[in-house]
C-alpha atoms as a PDB file:
ATOM      1  CA  GLN A   1     -22.677  13.906  -4.358  1.00  0.00           C
ATOM      2  CA  VAL A   2     -19.108  12.845  -5.178  1.00  0.00           C
ATOM      3  CA  GLN A   3     -16.224  14.098  -3.118  1.00  0.00           C
ATOM      4  CA  LEU A   4     -12.634  13.154  -3.154  1.00  0.00           C
ATOM      5  CA  VAL A   5     -10.459  14.144  -0.224  1.00  0.00           C
ATOM      6  CA  GLU A   6      -6.580  13.583  -0.231  1.00  0.00           C
ATOM      7  CA  SER A   7      -4.379  13.324   2.813  1.00  0.00           C
ATOM      8  CA  GLY A   8      -0.913  12.200   3.750  1.00  0.00           C
ATOM      9  CA  GLY A   9       1.255  14.891   2.225  1.00  0.00           C
ATOM     10  CA  GLY A  10       4.037  16.611   4.050  1.00  0.00           C
ATOM     11  CA  LEU A  11       7.702  17.369   4.165  1.00  0.00           C
ATOM     12  CA  VAL A  12      10.091  14.508   3.712  1.00  0.00           C
ATOM     13  CA  GLN A  13      13.866  14.240   3.036  1.00  0.00           C
ATOM     14  CA  PRO A  14      15.247  12.851  -0.204  1.00  0.00           C
ATOM     15  CA  GLY A  15      15.133   9.177  -0.156  1.00  0.00           C
ATOM     16  CA  GLY A  16      12.169   8.996   2.293  1.00  0.00           C
ATOM     17  CA  SER A  17       8.674   7.673   1.883  1.00  0.00           C
ATOM     18  CA  LEU A  18       5.151   8.918   2.079  1.00  0.00           C
ATOM     19  CA  ARG A  19       1.699   7.322   1.525  1.00  0.00           C
ATOM     20  CA  LEU A  20      -1.022   9.404   0.081  1.00  0.00           C
ATOM     21  CA  SER A  21      -4.644   8.515   0.633  1.00  0.00           C
ATOM     22  CA  CYS A  22      -7.826   9.664  -1.148  1.00  0.00           C
ATOM     23  CA  ALA A  23     -11.160   9.044   0.377  1.00  0.00           C
ATOM     24  CA  VAL A  24     -14.085   8.869  -2.108  1.00  0.00           C
ATOM     25  CA  SER A  25     -17.540   9.499  -1.201  1.00  0.00           C
ATOM     26  CA  GLY A  26     -20.463   8.658  -3.419  1.00  0.00           C
ATOM     27  CA  SER A  27     -21.333   5.500  -5.301  1.00  0.00           C
ATOM     28  CA  ILE A  28     -18.723   5.810  -8.114  1.00  0.00           C
ATOM     29  CA  PHE A  29     -15.501   4.284  -6.634  1.00  0.00           C
ATOM     30  CA  SER A  30     -15.722   0.579  -7.453  1.00  0.00           C
ATOM     31  CA  SER A  31     -16.883   1.117 -10.963  1.00  0.00           C
ATOM     32  CA  ASN A  32     -14.370   3.847 -11.953  1.00  0.00           C
ATOM     33  CA  ASP A  33     -10.803   3.925 -12.954  1.00  0.00           C
ATOM     34  CA  MET A  34      -8.792   6.164 -10.586  1.00  0.00           C
ATOM     35  CA  TYR A  35      -5.792   8.252 -11.130  1.00  0.00           C
ATOM     36  CA  TRP A  36      -3.041  10.309  -9.392  1.00  0.00           C
ATOM     37  CA  TYR A  37      -1.793  13.509 -10.871  1.00  0.00           C
ATOM     38  CA  ARG A  38       0.656  16.180  -9.609  1.00  0.00           C
ATOM     39  CA  GLN A  39       1.396  19.719 -10.255  1.00  0.00           C
ATOM     40  CA  ALA A  40       4.844  21.124  -9.576  1.00  0.00           C
ATOM     41  CA  PRO A  41       5.497  24.822  -8.975  1.00  0.00           C
ATOM     42  CA  GLY A  42       5.243  26.649 -12.296  1.00  0.00           C
ATOM     43  CA  LYS A  43       4.350  23.542 -14.252  1.00  0.00           C
ATOM     44  CA  GLU A  44       1.107  22.095 -15.579  1.00  0.00           C
ATOM     45  CA  ARG A  45      -0.707  19.271 -13.912  1.00  0.00           C
ATOM     46  CA  ALA A  46       0.689  15.897 -15.021  1.00  0.00           C
ATOM     47  CA  TRP A  47      -0.518  12.367 -14.739  1.00  0.00           C
ATOM     48  CA  VAL A  48       1.332  10.098 -12.331  1.00  0.00           C
ATOM     49  CA  ALA A  49      -0.407   6.792 -12.006  1.00  0.00           C
ATOM     50  CA  HIS A  50      -3.554   5.014 -13.047  1.00  0.00           C
ATOM     51  CA  ILE A  51      -5.466   2.066 -11.642  1.00  0.00           C
ATOM     52  CA  THR A  52      -8.356   0.446 -13.429  1.00  0.00           C
ATOM     53  CA  ARG A  53     -11.404  -0.723 -11.665  1.00  0.00           C
ATOM     54  CA  GLY A  54     -10.001  -4.270 -12.031  1.00  0.00           C
ATOM     55  CA  GLY A  55      -6.691  -3.258 -10.342  1.00  0.00           C
ATOM     56  CA  ASN A  56      -4.426  -3.017 -13.314  1.00  0.00           C
ATOM     57  CA  THR A  57      -1.800  -0.305 -12.880  1.00  0.00           C
ATOM     58  CA  ILE A  58       0.168   2.056 -15.138  1.00  0.00           C
ATOM     59  CA  TYR A  59       2.830   4.642 -14.142  1.00  0.00           C
ATOM     60  CA  THR A  60       4.547   7.505 -15.801  1.00  0.00           C
ATOM     61  CA  ASP A  61       8.175   6.667 -16.447  1.00  0.00           C
ATOM     62  CA  SER A  62       9.668   8.940 -13.843  1.00  0.00           C
ATOM     63  CA  VAL A  63       7.970   7.181 -10.916  1.00  0.00           C
ATOM     64  CA  LYS A  64       8.161   3.485 -12.181  1.00  0.00           C
ATOM     65  CA  GLY A  65       9.765   1.364  -9.437  1.00  0.00           C
ATOM     66  CA  ARG A  66       9.263   3.988  -6.766  1.00  0.00           C
ATOM     67  CA  PHE A  67       5.622   4.702  -6.560  1.00  0.00           C
ATOM     68  CA  THR A  68       2.719   2.213  -6.061  1.00  0.00           C
ATOM     69  CA  ILE A  69      -0.913   2.918  -6.727  1.00  0.00           C
ATOM     70  CA  SER A  70      -3.502   0.927  -4.982  1.00  0.00           C
ATOM     71  CA  ARG A  71      -7.178   0.869  -4.116  1.00  0.00           C
ATOM     72  CA  ASP A  72      -9.535  -0.611  -1.533  1.00  0.00           C
ATOM     73  CA  ASN A  73     -12.927  -0.874  -3.095  1.00  0.00           C
ATOM     74  CA  ALA A  74     -14.498  -1.962   0.201  1.00  0.00           C
ATOM     75  CA  LYS A  75     -13.452   1.246   1.837  1.00  0.00           C
ATOM     76  CA  ASN A  76     -13.690   3.575  -1.181  1.00  0.00           C
ATOM     77  CA  MET A  77     -10.007   4.464  -0.684  1.00  0.00           C
ATOM     78  CA  LEU A  78      -7.231   5.134  -3.271  1.00  0.00           C
ATOM     79  CA  TYR A  79      -3.594   5.107  -2.205  1.00  0.00           C
ATOM     80  CA  LEU A  80      -0.151   6.208  -3.498  1.00  0.00           C
ATOM     81  CA  GLN A  81       2.796   4.731  -1.756  1.00  0.00           C
ATOM     82  CA  MET A  82       5.805   6.730  -2.567  1.00  0.00           C
ATOM     83  CA  LYS A  83       9.345   5.526  -1.942  1.00  0.00           C
ATOM     84  CA  SER A  84      12.871   6.838  -2.697  1.00  0.00           C
ATOM     85  CA  LEU A  85      11.419  10.359  -3.043  1.00  0.00           C
ATOM     86  CA  LYS A  86      13.471  13.025  -4.983  1.00  0.00           C
ATOM     87  CA  PRO A  87      13.340  16.761  -4.850  1.00  0.00           C
ATOM     88  CA  GLU A  88      11.692  16.664  -8.218  1.00  0.00           C
ATOM     89  CA  ASP A  89       8.758  14.895  -6.794  1.00  0.00           C
ATOM     90  CA  THR A  90       7.753  17.981  -4.978  1.00  0.00           C
ATOM     91  CA  ALA A  91       4.266  18.910  -6.080  1.00  0.00           C
ATOM     92  CA  VAL A  92       0.677  19.157  -5.128  1.00  0.00           C
ATOM     93  CA  TYR A  93      -0.756  15.688  -5.611  1.00  0.00           C
ATOM     94  CA  TYR A  94      -4.400  15.192  -6.723  1.00  0.00           C
ATOM     95  CA  CYS A  95      -6.586  12.165  -6.985  1.00  0.00           C
ATOM     96  CA  TYR A  96      -8.968  12.006  -9.940  1.00  0.00           C
ATOM     97  CA  ALA A  97     -11.991   9.745 -10.633  1.00  0.00           C
ATOM     98  CA  GLU A  98     -12.843   8.812 -14.160  1.00  0.00           C
ATOM     99  CA  GLY A  99     -15.881  10.857 -15.177  1.00  0.00           C
ATOM    100  CA  GLY A 100     -14.415  14.275 -13.955  1.00  0.00           C
ATOM    101  CA  TRP A 101     -14.012  14.379 -10.220  1.00  0.00           C
ATOM    102  CA  TRP A 102     -10.904  15.969  -8.507  1.00  0.00           C
ATOM    103  CA  GLY A 103      -9.811  16.171  -5.074  1.00  0.00           C
ATOM    104  CA  GLN A 104      -8.496  19.448  -3.564  1.00  0.00           C
ATOM    105  CA  GLY A 105      -4.856  18.249  -3.459  1.00  0.00           C
ATOM    106  CA  THR A 106      -2.202  17.504  -0.790  1.00  0.00           C
ATOM    107  CA  GLN A 107       1.306  19.057  -0.790  1.00  0.00           C
ATOM    108  CA  VAL A 108       4.342  16.917  -0.989  1.00  0.00           C
ATOM    109  CA  THR A 109       7.696  18.593  -0.448  1.00  0.00           C
ATOM    110  CA  VAL A 110      10.854  16.685  -0.759  1.00  0.00           C
ATOM    111  CA  SER A 111      13.736  18.629   0.726  1.00  0.00           C
ATOM    112  CA  SER A 112      16.732  18.419   3.076  1.00  0.00           C
END
C-alpha cells in the first residue's frame, strides 16, 4: 500500500524559510517522478515543482529561485526547501507521486 505523509508546514513571517518533507511508503518512490502542489484558499490546486526519477527539476515561474525540490531515494523522502516566502505562498502543500498518489497536505501560512 502506498502512503504519502507531508510534514514541516507552519506559520512563518514574510522573507522566512521552511522545509517541507514527504515520507513515501511502498515500493514506488525510486521509480516514480514526484511533485509538489499547493492549494490556496478559494483557489484550485496548482502545480509547484516536479522532480524526475533521475533528479531533474522543474518549477512554476512564481517560485523559481526561491524553492528547491529534492529527493532522497535511499530514504523514500521528498523535500521542498522554501526561501524568501511571501504571503501569496500561503496554501496547503501536497506531495504527489506519479501514478496517482496524494498526501494529506500540510498548511503553510506566511504572515506577519
